[in-house]
């Protein structure tokens, strides 16, 4: 794209171009910038529209890939409208398109308030947790035998270092069921929201993304562990029964969610 010599600098021209790409169609600044573009067989306005349409399409495509379930539940047309509104408030500021949807769940809350679709905010949080898990630091899990090396009288004060990919979501809605039912291979039938809330642990390991539906006490227990609490403190604070502890620990190790036993490892980025 060529611009006339009167542009004060390349930096100013690029800033004006970026603003014109995101501005509403009738925006005066965008129209002024279009007039500064050398026509050369195609008007400046037409040239700008090409870039605007491409930028919008790329943004919307990236957002809908991240929030596939939300899009499926609200429909393509309404999701496209949400994407346009969201882009005005949170334009892409990174060359990596993965991060376009980072602010979407928080933005969606006020947008859906009073619509009856508030539950989709929690679904969006779950979908973003999946995206975060996919790009988290890859750390090899440890075997449950490592826990067996800890003396019995020290187990209560032992900490578990959990996988950097672990994300924990708690909702008053059945978000795990909604997510499962709305995967590409599923029918997408509506879920009865009155069936109650669900807690989900999201992780990504050698076999890819995994979503585990967990009981509220297990969710609280793992949340405390993730915050650095010892096994004893986490169990007491979460209300996890002593009879439930062996199965919960078996699941944590079996799912590859434990990457260290003992004091938290500062080299593991969470």
Protein backbone atom coordinates (compact mmCIF):
# COMPACT_ATOMS: atom_id res chain seq x y z
CA UNK A 1 0.00 0.00 0.00
CA UNK A 2 1.38 3.42 -0.99
CA UNK A 3 0.53 6.67 0.77
CA UNK A 4 1.14 10.22 -0.30
CA UNK A 5 4.28 12.05 0.81
CA UNK A 6 2.36 14.28 3.22
CA UNK A 7 2.31 11.47 5.82
CA UNK A 8 4.44 12.82 8.66
CA UNK A 9 6.30 9.56 9.31
CA UNK A 10 6.09 5.82 8.77
CA UNK A 11 5.25 5.39 12.45
CA UNK A 12 2.34 7.84 12.25
CA UNK A 13 1.13 6.29 9.01
CA UNK A 14 1.10 2.79 10.51
CA UNK A 15 -0.72 4.01 13.61
CA UNK A 16 -3.35 5.71 11.44
CA UNK A 17 -3.65 2.59 9.30
CA UNK A 18 -4.18 0.36 12.36
CA UNK A 19 -6.80 2.75 13.74
CA UNK A 20 -8.57 2.82 10.37
CA UNK A 21 -8.71 -0.98 10.28
CA UNK A 22 -10.55 -1.12 13.61
CA UNK A 23 -12.74 1.96 13.23
CA UNK A 24 -16.48 1.76 12.39
CA UNK A 25 -17.22 2.11 8.65
CA UNK A 26 -18.48 5.71 9.00
CA UNK A 27 -15.56 6.87 11.14
CA UNK A 28 -14.18 10.26 10.04
CA UNK A 29 -10.58 9.34 10.81
CA UNK A 30 -10.84 6.20 8.69
CA UNK A 31 -12.35 8.19 5.84
CA UNK A 32 -9.57 10.77 6.07
CA UNK A 33 -6.91 8.07 5.99
CA UNK A 34 -8.56 6.43 2.97
CA UNK A 35 -8.29 9.74 1.12
CA UNK A 36 -4.52 9.73 1.70
CA UNK A 37 -4.06 6.39 -0.07
CA UNK A 38 -2.84 6.54 -3.67
CA UNK A 39 -5.66 5.19 -5.85
CA UNK A 40 -3.64 3.63 -8.70
CA UNK A 41 -6.64 1.99 -10.39
CA UNK A 42 -8.52 1.29 -7.15
CA UNK A 43 -9.85 3.96 -4.85
CA UNK A 44 -8.26 4.48 -1.46
CA UNK A 45 -11.55 3.62 0.22
CA UNK A 46 -11.79 0.34 -1.72
CA UNK A 47 -8.20 -0.54 -0.87
CA UNK A 48 -8.83 0.12 2.83
CA UNK A 49 -11.98 -2.02 2.75
CA UNK A 50 -9.94 -5.00 1.56
CA UNK A 51 -7.63 -4.72 4.56
CA UNK A 52 -10.52 -4.02 6.93
CA UNK A 53 -12.46 -7.07 5.76
CA UNK A 54 -9.40 -9.30 5.99
CA UNK A 55 -8.52 -8.08 9.49
CA UNK A 56 -12.10 -8.58 10.69
CA UNK A 57 -12.37 -12.05 9.15
CA UNK A 58 -9.06 -13.22 10.65
CA UNK A 59 -10.04 -11.89 14.09
CA UNK A 60 -13.49 -13.50 14.01
CA UNK A 61 -12.11 -16.81 12.76
CA UNK A 62 -9.53 -16.95 15.56
CA UNK A 63 -12.17 -16.11 18.18
CA UNK A 64 -14.66 -18.68 16.97
CA UNK A 65 -11.99 -21.39 16.91
CA UNK A 66 -11.28 -20.68 20.58
CA UNK A 67 -14.94 -20.40 21.60
CA UNK A 68 -16.44 -23.15 19.47
CA UNK A 69 -19.01 -24.16 22.11
CA UNK A 70 -20.18 -20.61 22.79
CA UNK A 71 -20.57 -20.02 19.05
CA UNK A 72 -22.52 -23.24 18.63
CA UNK A 73 -24.93 -22.33 21.42
CA UNK A 74 -25.65 -18.75 20.29
CA UNK A 75 -25.45 -19.33 16.54
CA UNK A 76 -23.08 -17.99 13.88
CA UNK A 77 -24.85 -14.67 13.33
CA UNK A 78 -25.02 -13.63 16.98
CA UNK A 79 -21.47 -14.81 17.63
CA UNK A 80 -20.23 -12.71 14.72
CA UNK A 81 -21.95 -9.70 16.28
CA UNK A 82 -20.32 -10.47 19.64
CA UNK A 83 -16.93 -10.77 17.91
CA UNK A 84 -17.33 -7.36 16.27
CA UNK A 85 -18.28 -5.72 19.56
CA UNK A 86 -15.48 -7.46 21.43
CA UNK A 87 -12.90 -6.42 18.84
CA UNK A 88 -13.77 -2.75 19.37
CA UNK A 89 -12.93 -3.07 23.07
CA UNK A 90 -10.10 -5.60 22.78
CA UNK A 91 -8.35 -5.38 19.42
CA UNK A 92 -5.50 -7.79 18.79
CA UNK A 93 -2.28 -6.43 20.26
CA UNK A 94 -0.10 -9.47 19.64
CA UNK A 95 1.21 -11.19 16.54
CA UNK A 96 0.11 -14.53 18.01
CA UNK A 97 -3.60 -14.96 17.24
CA UNK A 98 -3.92 -17.46 20.08
CA UNK A 99 -4.26 -14.62 22.61
CA UNK A 100 -7.11 -12.79 20.86
CA UNK A 101 -9.68 -14.41 23.16
CA UNK A 102 -7.92 -13.77 26.47
CA UNK A 103 -10.38 -11.08 27.62
CA UNK A 104 -13.51 -12.58 26.08
CA UNK A 105 -15.01 -14.29 29.18
CA UNK A 106 -14.64 -11.14 31.32
CA UNK A 107 -16.05 -8.99 28.52
CA UNK A 108 -18.91 -11.42 27.92
CA UNK A 109 -20.20 -11.18 31.50
CA UNK A 110 -21.65 -7.65 31.33
CA UNK A 111 -22.66 -8.19 27.69
CA UNK A 112 -24.92 -11.16 28.53
CA UNK A 113 -26.24 -9.87 31.84
CA UNK A 114 -30.03 -10.10 31.95
CA UNK A 115 -30.27 -12.09 28.71
CA UNK A 116 -30.75 -15.56 30.17
CA UNK A 117 -27.43 -16.62 28.64
CA UNK A 118 -25.26 -15.75 31.63
CA UNK A 119 -24.25 -19.41 31.91
CA UNK A 120 -22.28 -19.05 28.70
CA UNK A 121 -19.77 -16.88 30.56
CA UNK A 122 -18.71 -19.94 32.57
CA UNK A 123 -18.57 -22.00 29.38
CA UNK A 124 -16.31 -19.35 27.88
CA UNK A 125 -14.07 -19.50 30.97
CA UNK A 126 -13.80 -23.26 30.48
CA UNK A 127 -12.93 -22.86 26.81
CA UNK A 128 -10.23 -20.30 27.61
CA UNK A 129 -8.86 -22.63 30.30
CA UNK A 130 -8.49 -25.22 27.53
CA UNK A 131 -6.54 -22.74 25.42
CA UNK A 132 -4.23 -21.89 28.31
CA UNK A 133 -3.65 -25.57 29.05
CA UNK A 134 -2.69 -26.23 25.44
CA UNK A 135 0.19 -23.74 25.51
CA UNK A 136 1.37 -24.30 29.09
CA UNK A 137 4.91 -25.39 29.92
CA UNK A 138 5.38 -29.11 29.36
CA UNK A 139 6.71 -30.80 32.52
CA UNK A 140 6.97 -34.58 32.86
CA UNK A 141 4.78 -36.11 35.60
CA UNK A 142 6.18 -38.19 38.44
CA UNK A 143 5.06 -41.65 39.45
CA UNK A 144 2.99 -42.25 42.56
CA UNK A 145 5.98 -44.20 43.88
CA UNK A 146 7.55 -40.83 44.70
CA UNK A 147 4.86 -40.28 47.31
CA UNK A 148 5.64 -43.68 48.79
CA UNK A 149 9.18 -42.51 49.53
CA UNK A 150 7.88 -39.90 51.98
CA UNK A 151 7.92 -41.12 55.63
CA UNK A 152 4.41 -41.62 57.02
CA UNK A 153 4.92 -39.02 59.74
CA UNK A 154 5.76 -36.38 57.10
CA UNK A 155 2.91 -37.01 54.64
CA UNK A 156 0.63 -34.48 56.30
CA UNK A 157 3.11 -31.68 55.62
CA UNK A 158 4.09 -32.80 52.11
CA UNK A 159 3.24 -30.64 49.12
CA UNK A 160 2.54 -31.75 45.55
CA UNK A 161 3.75 -29.72 42.60
CA UNK A 162 0.99 -29.82 40.00
CA UNK A 163 1.23 -29.63 36.23
CA UNK A 164 1.57 -26.11 34.77
CA UNK A 165 -1.23 -27.01 32.36
CA UNK A 166 -3.76 -27.58 35.15
CA UNK A 167 -6.69 -25.17 35.19
CA UNK A 168 -9.60 -25.43 37.63
CA UNK A 169 -13.08 -24.10 36.89
CA UNK A 170 -16.06 -24.17 39.26
CA UNK A 171 -19.52 -23.22 38.02
CA UNK A 172 -23.12 -23.14 39.19
CA UNK A 173 -24.00 -24.54 35.76
CA UNK A 174 -23.29 -27.97 34.18
CA UNK A 175 -20.46 -26.61 32.02
CA UNK A 176 -18.61 -29.91 31.64
CA UNK A 177 -21.79 -31.52 30.25
CA UNK A 178 -22.37 -28.55 27.93
CA UNK A 179 -18.78 -28.72 26.67
CA UNK A 180 -18.96 -32.47 26.07
CA UNK A 181 -22.31 -32.29 24.28
CA UNK A 182 -21.12 -29.52 21.96
CA UNK A 183 -17.93 -31.03 20.59
CA UNK A 184 -17.82 -31.40 16.78
CA UNK A 185 -18.62 -35.12 16.96
CA UNK A 186 -21.65 -34.60 19.21
CA UNK A 187 -25.23 -33.60 18.48
CA UNK A 188 -25.16 -30.25 20.29
CA UNK A 189 -28.46 -30.95 22.03
CA UNK A 190 -29.35 -28.54 24.82
CA UNK A 191 -28.40 -29.48 28.39
CA UNK A 192 -30.85 -29.03 31.26
CA UNK A 193 -29.20 -26.23 33.22
CA UNK A 194 -31.23 -27.10 36.31
CA UNK A 195 -29.21 -30.28 36.80
CA UNK A 196 -26.78 -28.21 38.83
CA UNK A 197 -23.22 -26.97 38.81
CA UNK A 198 -20.09 -28.84 37.82
CA UNK A 199 -16.40 -28.50 38.66
CA UNK A 200 -13.82 -29.18 35.99
CA UNK A 201 -10.08 -29.79 36.00
CA UNK A 202 -8.47 -29.06 32.63
CA UNK A 203 -5.03 -30.33 31.69
CA UNK A 204 -2.94 -31.13 28.65
CA UNK A 205 -0.52 -34.03 28.61
CA UNK A 206 1.08 -36.44 26.19
CA UNK A 207 -2.32 -37.57 24.94
CA UNK A 208 -3.60 -34.04 24.45
CA UNK A 209 -6.31 -32.00 26.15
CA UNK A 210 -8.32 -33.65 28.91
CA UNK A 211 -11.27 -32.35 30.92
CA UNK A 212 -12.07 -34.09 34.19
CA UNK A 213 -15.37 -33.57 36.01
CA UNK A 214 -14.56 -33.56 39.73
CA UNK A 215 -16.57 -33.31 42.93
CA UNK A 216 -16.65 -29.92 44.69
CA UNK A 217 -14.52 -31.19 47.59
CA UNK A 218 -11.94 -32.59 45.14
CA UNK A 219 -11.93 -29.29 43.26
CA UNK A 220 -11.29 -27.40 46.50
CA UNK A 221 -8.60 -29.88 47.56
CA UNK A 222 -6.70 -29.58 44.28
CA UNK A 223 -7.11 -25.79 44.31
CA UNK A 224 -5.43 -25.63 47.71
CA UNK A 225 -2.64 -27.92 46.52
CA UNK A 226 -2.13 -25.72 43.47
CA UNK A 227 -1.81 -22.72 45.80
CA UNK A 228 1.01 -24.45 47.66
CA UNK A 229 -0.84 -26.00 50.61
CA UNK A 230 0.37 -29.28 52.09
CA UNK A 231 -1.70 -32.45 51.78
CA UNK A 232 -2.96 -32.15 55.34
CA UNK A 233 -3.87 -28.47 55.06
CA UNK A 234 -5.55 -28.96 51.68
CA UNK A 235 -7.62 -31.89 52.94
CA UNK A 236 -8.75 -30.00 56.05
CA UNK A 237 -9.55 -26.77 54.20
CA UNK A 238 -11.47 -28.52 51.42
CA UNK A 239 -13.49 -30.85 53.60
CA UNK A 240 -12.29 -33.84 51.58
CA UNK A 241 -13.01 -36.94 53.64
CA UNK A 242 -10.11 -39.15 54.64
CA UNK A 243 -11.83 -42.03 52.86
CA UNK A 244 -11.83 -40.00 49.63
CA UNK A 245 -8.16 -39.01 49.78
CA UNK A 246 -6.66 -42.23 48.33
CA UNK A 247 -8.90 -42.14 45.23
CA UNK A 248 -8.24 -38.44 44.70
CA UNK A 249 -4.48 -38.91 44.93
CA UNK A 250 -4.70 -41.94 42.64
CA UNK A 251 -6.51 -39.79 40.09
CA UNK A 252 -4.01 -36.93 40.35
CA UNK A 253 -1.03 -39.20 39.75
CA UNK A 254 -2.84 -41.39 37.21
CA UNK A 255 -3.84 -38.37 35.13
CA UNK A 256 -0.26 -37.11 35.12
CA UNK A 257 -1.12 -33.98 37.10
CA UNK A 258 1.67 -34.31 39.68
CA UNK A 259 5.12 -33.18 38.52
CA UNK A 260 6.86 -33.09 41.90
CA UNK A 261 6.57 -34.30 45.49
CA UNK A 262 7.85 -32.32 48.44
CA UNK A 263 8.49 -28.59 48.62
CA UNK A 264 7.12 -26.62 45.60
CA UNK A 265 9.64 -26.33 42.79
CA UNK A 266 10.24 -22.63 41.95
CA UNK A 267 11.47 -23.63 38.48
CA UNK A 268 8.02 -24.89 37.50
CA UNK A 269 6.15 -21.96 35.96
CA UNK A 270 2.46 -21.85 36.83
